[in-house]
Amino acid sequence: MKEVTYLAPVERPTMNRDQIETLCDDLGPHAAEDVVCRAMEELAQRLCHIQDLAVKGPRGDMHKALRALGAIAEQIGMLGLSKVARDVINCIELGDAVAEAATLARLARTGERSLTAMWDHNDLLG
């Protein structure tokens, strides 16, 4: 009888707190908080949209959506999420469907964990 191993990957978000501090210095704490909140909302929507595109959308649209997601994530210091978005783009460009599926799953996990971490640490803006 063969053994089956169940994997339960956990993604740890990589955040650049200096980016939040820069936003606070440049915009002030209230405006920076507004920017971060709007960016988080946009990221959540884009993550859902990318999942939809992965199932039924053209690859070109997904490529574009991933680039935008990465740029927004980078703007608010979510470096891990931005990197995984680039990894998915690389898989698309290489035409590796298996790696693309795995990396898309990682993008969803990383996105969820990054948004939760940012929400839980909203004291970053204070």
N, C-alpha and C. Protein backbone atom coordinates (compact mmCIF):
# COMPACT_ATOMS: atom_id res chain seq x y z
N MET A 1 0.84 -1.18 0.00
CA MET A 1 0.00 0.00 0.00
C MET A 1 0.89 1.25 0.00
N LYS A 2 0.55 2.18 -0.84
CA LYS A 2 1.33 3.41 -0.95
C LYS A 2 0.84 4.44 0.07
N GLU A 3 1.79 5.21 0.55
CA GLU A 3 1.44 6.29 1.47
C GLU A 3 1.18 7.56 0.67
N VAL A 4 0.23 8.31 1.15
CA VAL A 4 -0.09 9.59 0.54
C VAL A 4 0.31 10.69 1.51
N THR A 5 1.04 11.63 1.01
CA THR A 5 1.46 12.76 1.82
C THR A 5 0.62 13.97 1.44
N TYR A 6 0.01 14.57 2.42
CA TYR A 6 -0.78 15.77 2.18
C TYR A 6 0.08 16.98 2.51
N LEU A 7 0.16 17.86 1.57
CA LEU A 7 0.93 19.08 1.76
C LEU A 7 0.01 20.22 2.14
N ALA A 8 0.41 20.99 3.09
CA ALA A 8 -0.35 22.17 3.50
C ALA A 8 0.60 23.35 3.52
N PRO A 9 0.91 23.88 2.33
CA PRO A 9 1.88 24.98 2.28
C PRO A 9 1.34 26.24 2.97
N VAL A 10 2.23 26.89 3.64
CA VAL A 10 1.89 28.14 4.32
C VAL A 10 2.81 29.22 3.77
N GLU A 11 2.21 30.28 3.32
CA GLU A 11 3.00 31.40 2.78
C GLU A 11 3.17 32.47 3.85
N ARG A 12 4.38 32.90 4.02
CA ARG A 12 4.67 33.98 4.95
C ARG A 12 4.86 35.25 4.13
N PRO A 13 4.04 36.25 4.40
CA PRO A 13 4.14 37.46 3.59
C PRO A 13 5.45 38.20 3.83
N THR A 14 6.01 38.71 2.76
CA THR A 14 7.22 39.52 2.85
C THR A 14 6.81 40.97 2.66
N MET A 15 7.01 41.75 3.71
CA MET A 15 6.58 43.14 3.69
C MET A 15 7.78 44.07 3.83
N ASN A 16 7.70 45.20 3.16
CA ASN A 16 8.71 46.24 3.29
C ASN A 16 8.09 47.39 4.07
N ARG A 17 8.34 47.41 5.35
CA ARG A 17 7.75 48.44 6.22
C ARG A 17 8.28 49.84 5.87
N ASP A 18 9.47 49.89 5.29
CA ASP A 18 10.03 51.18 4.89
C ASP A 18 9.15 51.86 3.85
N GLN A 19 8.51 51.07 2.99
CA GLN A 19 7.63 51.64 1.97
C GLN A 19 6.44 52.36 2.62
N ILE A 20 5.90 51.77 3.67
CA ILE A 20 4.79 52.39 4.39
C ILE A 20 5.27 53.68 5.06
N GLU A 21 6.46 53.64 5.66
CA GLU A 21 7.01 54.84 6.28
C GLU A 21 7.23 55.94 5.27
N THR A 22 7.70 55.57 4.08
CA THR A 22 7.90 56.55 3.01
C THR A 22 6.57 57.18 2.61
N LEU A 23 5.54 56.35 2.48
CA LEU A 23 4.21 56.88 2.15
C LEU A 23 3.73 57.85 3.23
N CYS A 24 3.94 57.48 4.49
CA CYS A 24 3.53 58.36 5.59
C CYS A 24 4.30 59.67 5.58
N ASP A 25 5.61 59.58 5.30
CA ASP A 25 6.42 60.80 5.24
C ASP A 25 6.01 61.69 4.07
N ASP A 26 5.75 61.07 2.93
CA ASP A 26 5.41 61.85 1.73
C ASP A 26 3.99 62.39 1.75
N LEU A 27 3.05 61.61 2.26
CA LEU A 27 1.63 61.98 2.16
C LEU A 27 0.99 62.39 3.47
N GLY A 28 1.64 62.06 4.57
CA GLY A 28 1.03 62.23 5.88
C GLY A 28 0.29 60.95 6.24
N PRO A 29 0.08 60.71 7.53
CA PRO A 29 -0.49 59.43 7.95
C PRO A 29 -1.91 59.17 7.44
N HIS A 30 -2.74 60.19 7.38
CA HIS A 30 -4.14 59.98 6.95
C HIS A 30 -4.22 59.67 5.46
N ALA A 31 -3.50 60.42 4.67
CA ALA A 31 -3.51 60.16 3.22
C ALA A 31 -2.84 58.83 2.90
N ALA A 32 -1.77 58.50 3.64
CA ALA A 32 -1.09 57.21 3.42
C ALA A 32 -2.03 56.06 3.77
N GLU A 33 -2.77 56.21 4.84
CA GLU A 33 -3.74 55.17 5.22
C GLU A 33 -4.80 55.00 4.13
N ASP A 34 -5.24 56.10 3.57
CA ASP A 34 -6.23 56.04 2.48
C ASP A 34 -5.65 55.32 1.26
N VAL A 35 -4.41 55.63 0.91
CA VAL A 35 -3.75 54.98 -0.23
C VAL A 35 -3.62 53.48 0.02
N VAL A 36 -3.19 53.11 1.21
CA VAL A 36 -3.00 51.69 1.53
C VAL A 36 -4.33 50.96 1.52
N CYS A 37 -5.36 51.55 2.09
CA CYS A 37 -6.68 50.90 2.11
C CYS A 37 -7.24 50.72 0.70
N ARG A 38 -7.11 51.73 -0.13
CA ARG A 38 -7.59 51.61 -1.51
C ARG A 38 -6.76 50.56 -2.27
N ALA A 39 -5.46 50.54 -2.03
CA ALA A 39 -4.61 49.55 -2.70
C ALA A 39 -4.97 48.14 -2.26
N MET A 40 -5.25 47.95 -0.99
CA MET A 40 -5.63 46.63 -0.50
C MET A 40 -6.94 46.17 -1.13
N GLU A 41 -7.88 47.07 -1.23
CA GLU A 41 -9.16 46.73 -1.87
C GLU A 41 -8.93 46.36 -3.33
N GLU A 42 -8.12 47.13 -4.01
CA GLU A 42 -7.80 46.86 -5.42
C GLU A 42 -7.09 45.52 -5.57
N LEU A 43 -6.17 45.22 -4.67
CA LEU A 43 -5.47 43.95 -4.73
C LEU A 43 -6.43 42.77 -4.56
N ALA A 44 -7.34 42.88 -3.61
CA ALA A 44 -8.32 41.80 -3.39
C ALA A 44 -9.16 41.57 -4.65
N GLN A 45 -9.60 42.66 -5.27
CA GLN A 45 -10.40 42.54 -6.49
C GLN A 45 -9.58 41.94 -7.62
N ARG A 46 -8.35 42.37 -7.76
CA ARG A 46 -7.49 41.85 -8.83
C ARG A 46 -7.14 40.39 -8.63
N LEU A 47 -6.94 39.98 -7.39
CA LEU A 47 -6.66 38.56 -7.13
C LEU A 47 -7.83 37.69 -7.59
N CYS A 48 -9.06 38.14 -7.30
CA CYS A 48 -10.25 37.39 -7.75
C CYS A 48 -10.34 37.41 -9.27
N HIS A 49 -10.07 38.55 -9.87
CA HIS A 49 -10.13 38.68 -11.33
C HIS A 49 -9.10 37.76 -12.00
N ILE A 50 -7.91 37.69 -11.44
CA ILE A 50 -6.85 36.83 -12.00
C ILE A 50 -7.27 35.37 -11.93
N GLN A 51 -7.90 34.98 -10.83
CA GLN A 51 -8.37 33.60 -10.73
C GLN A 51 -9.43 33.30 -11.80
N ASP A 52 -10.31 34.26 -12.05
CA ASP A 52 -11.30 34.09 -13.12
C ASP A 52 -10.63 33.99 -14.48
N LEU A 53 -9.65 34.85 -14.73
CA LEU A 53 -8.94 34.83 -16.00
C LEU A 53 -8.18 33.52 -16.19
N ALA A 54 -7.68 32.96 -15.11
CA ALA A 54 -6.94 31.70 -15.21
C ALA A 54 -7.84 30.58 -15.72
N VAL A 55 -9.12 30.66 -15.39
CA VAL A 55 -10.06 29.62 -15.79
C VAL A 55 -10.60 29.86 -17.19
N LYS A 56 -10.97 31.11 -17.48
CA LYS A 56 -11.68 31.35 -18.73
C LYS A 56 -11.22 32.55 -19.54
N GLY A 57 -10.17 33.21 -19.11
CA GLY A 57 -9.78 34.42 -19.81
C GLY A 57 -8.58 34.24 -20.71
N PRO A 58 -8.38 35.17 -21.60
CA PRO A 58 -7.19 35.11 -22.46
C PRO A 58 -5.91 35.34 -21.64
N ARG A 59 -4.84 34.65 -22.02
CA ARG A 59 -3.57 34.76 -21.31
C ARG A 59 -3.03 36.19 -21.35
N GLY A 60 -3.27 36.89 -22.43
CA GLY A 60 -2.79 38.27 -22.51
C GLY A 60 -3.40 39.15 -21.43
N ASP A 61 -4.69 38.95 -21.17
CA ASP A 61 -5.36 39.73 -20.12
C ASP A 61 -4.82 39.36 -18.75
N MET A 62 -4.53 38.08 -18.55
CA MET A 62 -4.00 37.64 -17.27
C MET A 62 -2.60 38.21 -17.04
N HIS A 63 -1.82 38.21 -18.08
CA HIS A 63 -0.47 38.78 -18.02
C HIS A 63 -0.54 40.24 -17.59
N LYS A 64 -1.42 40.99 -18.21
CA LYS A 64 -1.60 42.41 -17.90
C LYS A 64 -2.09 42.60 -16.46
N ALA A 65 -3.04 41.78 -16.04
CA ALA A 65 -3.59 41.88 -14.68
C ALA A 65 -2.52 41.56 -13.64
N LEU A 66 -1.68 40.59 -13.93
CA LEU A 66 -0.59 40.23 -13.01
C LEU A 66 0.43 41.36 -12.88
N ARG A 67 0.76 42.00 -13.99
CA ARG A 67 1.70 43.14 -13.94
C ARG A 67 1.13 44.25 -13.07
N ALA A 68 -0.16 44.55 -13.24
CA ALA A 68 -0.80 45.60 -12.45
C ALA A 68 -0.84 45.23 -10.97
N LEU A 69 -1.19 43.98 -10.69
CA LEU A 69 -1.23 43.52 -9.30
C LEU A 69 0.15 43.66 -8.66
N GLY A 70 1.18 43.26 -9.37
CA GLY A 70 2.54 43.36 -8.85
C GLY A 70 2.94 44.80 -8.55
N ALA A 71 2.56 45.70 -9.43
CA ALA A 71 2.91 47.12 -9.24
C ALA A 71 2.20 47.70 -8.03
N ILE A 72 0.93 47.38 -7.86
CA ILE A 72 0.18 47.88 -6.70
C ILE A 72 0.74 47.30 -5.41
N ALA A 73 1.04 46.01 -5.42
CA ALA A 73 1.60 45.36 -4.22
C ALA A 73 2.93 46.01 -3.84
N GLU A 74 3.74 46.27 -4.83
CA GLU A 74 5.05 46.90 -4.56
C GLU A 74 4.89 48.30 -4.00
N GLN A 75 3.88 49.02 -4.47
CA GLN A 75 3.63 50.40 -4.01
C GLN A 75 3.41 50.46 -2.50
N ILE A 76 2.78 49.42 -1.94
CA ILE A 76 2.50 49.45 -0.50
C ILE A 76 3.38 48.47 0.28
N GLY A 77 4.45 48.02 -0.34
CA GLY A 77 5.44 47.23 0.38
C GLY A 77 5.19 45.74 0.47
N MET A 78 4.28 45.21 -0.32
CA MET A 78 4.02 43.77 -0.32
C MET A 78 4.94 43.10 -1.34
N LEU A 79 6.19 42.99 -0.96
CA LEU A 79 7.21 42.50 -1.89
C LEU A 79 7.01 41.03 -2.26
N GLY A 80 6.59 40.22 -1.31
CA GLY A 80 6.36 38.81 -1.59
C GLY A 80 5.27 38.61 -2.62
N LEU A 81 4.18 39.33 -2.48
CA LEU A 81 3.07 39.23 -3.43
C LEU A 81 3.51 39.69 -4.81
N SER A 82 4.26 40.76 -4.87
CA SER A 82 4.76 41.26 -6.15
C SER A 82 5.66 40.23 -6.82
N LYS A 83 6.52 39.58 -6.04
CA LYS A 83 7.42 38.57 -6.59
C LYS A 83 6.66 37.36 -7.13
N VAL A 84 5.66 36.91 -6.40
CA VAL A 84 4.89 35.75 -6.87
C VAL A 84 4.12 36.10 -8.15
N ALA A 85 3.63 37.33 -8.25
CA ALA A 85 2.96 37.76 -9.49
C ALA A 85 3.93 37.67 -10.67
N ARG A 86 5.18 38.09 -10.46
CA ARG A 86 6.19 37.97 -11.52
C ARG A 86 6.49 36.51 -11.84
N ASP A 87 6.48 35.66 -10.81
CA ASP A 87 6.71 34.23 -11.04
C ASP A 87 5.62 33.63 -11.92
N VAL A 88 4.37 34.03 -11.70
CA VAL A 88 3.27 33.53 -12.54
C VAL A 88 3.46 34.01 -13.97
N ILE A 89 3.85 35.27 -14.13
CA ILE A 89 4.11 35.80 -15.48
C ILE A 89 5.18 34.97 -16.17
N ASN A 90 6.25 34.62 -15.45
CA ASN A 90 7.32 33.80 -16.03
C ASN A 90 6.78 32.44 -16.47
N CYS A 91 5.92 31.84 -15.67
CA CYS A 91 5.34 30.54 -16.04
C CYS A 91 4.50 30.65 -17.31
N ILE A 92 3.73 31.74 -17.42
CA ILE A 92 2.91 31.97 -18.62
C ILE A 92 3.83 32.11 -19.83
N GLU A 93 4.87 32.92 -19.70
CA GLU A 93 5.78 33.16 -20.81
C GLU A 93 6.52 31.89 -21.23
N LEU A 94 6.81 31.00 -20.28
CA LEU A 94 7.48 29.75 -20.59
C LEU A 94 6.52 28.68 -21.12
N GLY A 95 5.23 28.94 -20.97
CA GLY A 95 4.24 27.98 -21.44
C GLY A 95 4.15 26.73 -20.57
N ASP A 96 4.53 26.83 -19.32
CA ASP A 96 4.52 25.70 -18.40
C ASP A 96 3.21 25.71 -17.62
N ALA A 97 2.23 24.96 -18.09
CA ALA A 97 0.89 24.96 -17.50
C ALA A 97 0.88 24.41 -16.08
N VAL A 98 1.69 23.40 -15.80
CA VAL A 98 1.72 22.81 -14.46
C VAL A 98 2.30 23.82 -13.47
N ALA A 99 3.42 24.42 -13.83
CA ALA A 99 4.04 25.42 -12.96
C ALA A 99 3.12 26.63 -12.80
N GLU A 100 2.43 27.00 -13.87
CA GLU A 100 1.49 28.12 -13.80
C GLU A 100 0.39 27.84 -12.78
N ALA A 101 -0.19 26.65 -12.83
CA ALA A 101 -1.26 26.29 -11.89
C ALA A 101 -0.75 26.32 -10.45
N ALA A 102 0.43 25.76 -10.23
CA ALA A 102 1.00 25.74 -8.88
C ALA A 102 1.31 27.15 -8.40
N THR A 103 1.83 27.96 -9.28
CA THR A 103 2.21 29.33 -8.90
C THR A 103 0.99 30.20 -8.70
N LEU A 104 -0.07 29.95 -9.46
CA LEU A 104 -1.33 30.67 -9.24
C LEU A 104 -1.90 30.33 -7.86
N ALA A 105 -1.80 29.07 -7.46
CA ALA A 105 -2.26 28.69 -6.13
C ALA A 105 -1.42 29.40 -5.06
N ARG A 106 -0.13 29.50 -5.32
CA ARG A 106 0.75 30.22 -4.39
C ARG A 106 0.40 31.71 -4.35
N LEU A 107 0.05 32.27 -5.50
CA LEU A 107 -0.36 33.67 -5.55
C LEU A 107 -1.59 33.90 -4.68
N ALA A 108 -2.56 33.00 -4.75
CA ALA A 108 -3.78 33.13 -3.94
C ALA A 108 -3.44 33.06 -2.45
N ARG A 109 -2.59 32.12 -2.07
CA ARG A 109 -2.20 32.00 -0.66
C ARG A 109 -1.42 33.22 -0.19
N THR A 110 -0.48 33.64 -1.01
CA THR A 110 0.35 34.80 -0.65
C THR A 110 -0.50 36.06 -0.57
N GLY A 111 -1.41 36.22 -1.51
CA GLY A 111 -2.28 37.38 -1.51
C GLY A 111 -3.13 37.44 -0.25
N GLU A 112 -3.73 36.31 0.08
CA GLU A 112 -4.58 36.26 1.28
C GLU A 112 -3.76 36.56 2.53
N ARG A 113 -2.61 35.94 2.65
CA ARG A 113 -1.78 36.16 3.83
C ARG A 113 -1.24 37.59 3.90
N SER A 114 -0.88 38.16 2.76
CA SER A 114 -0.34 39.52 2.74
C SER A 114 -1.42 40.53 3.12
N LEU A 115 -2.62 40.36 2.58
CA LEU A 115 -3.71 41.28 2.91
C LEU A 115 -4.08 41.17 4.39
N THR A 116 -4.11 39.96 4.89
CA THR A 116 -4.41 39.75 6.31
C THR A 116 -3.34 40.38 7.19
N ALA A 117 -2.08 40.17 6.83
CA ALA A 117 -0.99 40.74 7.61
C ALA A 117 -1.04 42.27 7.62
N MET A 118 -1.32 42.85 6.47
CA MET A 118 -1.40 44.32 6.39
C MET A 118 -2.58 44.81 7.23
N TRP A 119 -3.70 44.13 7.14
CA TRP A 119 -4.90 44.52 7.90
C TRP A 119 -4.62 44.40 9.40
N ASP A 120 -3.99 43.30 9.81
CA ASP A 120 -3.71 43.06 11.22
C ASP A 120 -2.68 44.04 11.78
N HIS A 121 -1.85 44.57 10.91
CA HIS A 121 -0.81 45.50 11.37
C HIS A 121 -1.09 46.91 10.87
N ASN A 122 -2.35 47.32 10.98
CA ASN A 122 -2.70 48.65 10.51
C ASN A 122 -2.06 49.73 11.35
N ASP A 123 -1.42 49.34 12.45
CA ASP A 123 -0.67 50.31 13.24
C ASP A 123 0.59 50.78 12.53
N LEU A 124 0.91 50.16 11.40
CA LEU A 124 2.07 50.60 10.60
C LEU A 124 1.91 52.05 10.17
N LEU A 125 0.66 52.47 10.03
CA LEU A 125 0.42 53.82 9.52
C LEU A 125 0.37 54.86 10.63
N GLY A 126 0.42 54.45 11.85
CA GLY A 126 0.27 55.38 12.94
C GLY A 126 1.52 55.90 13.51
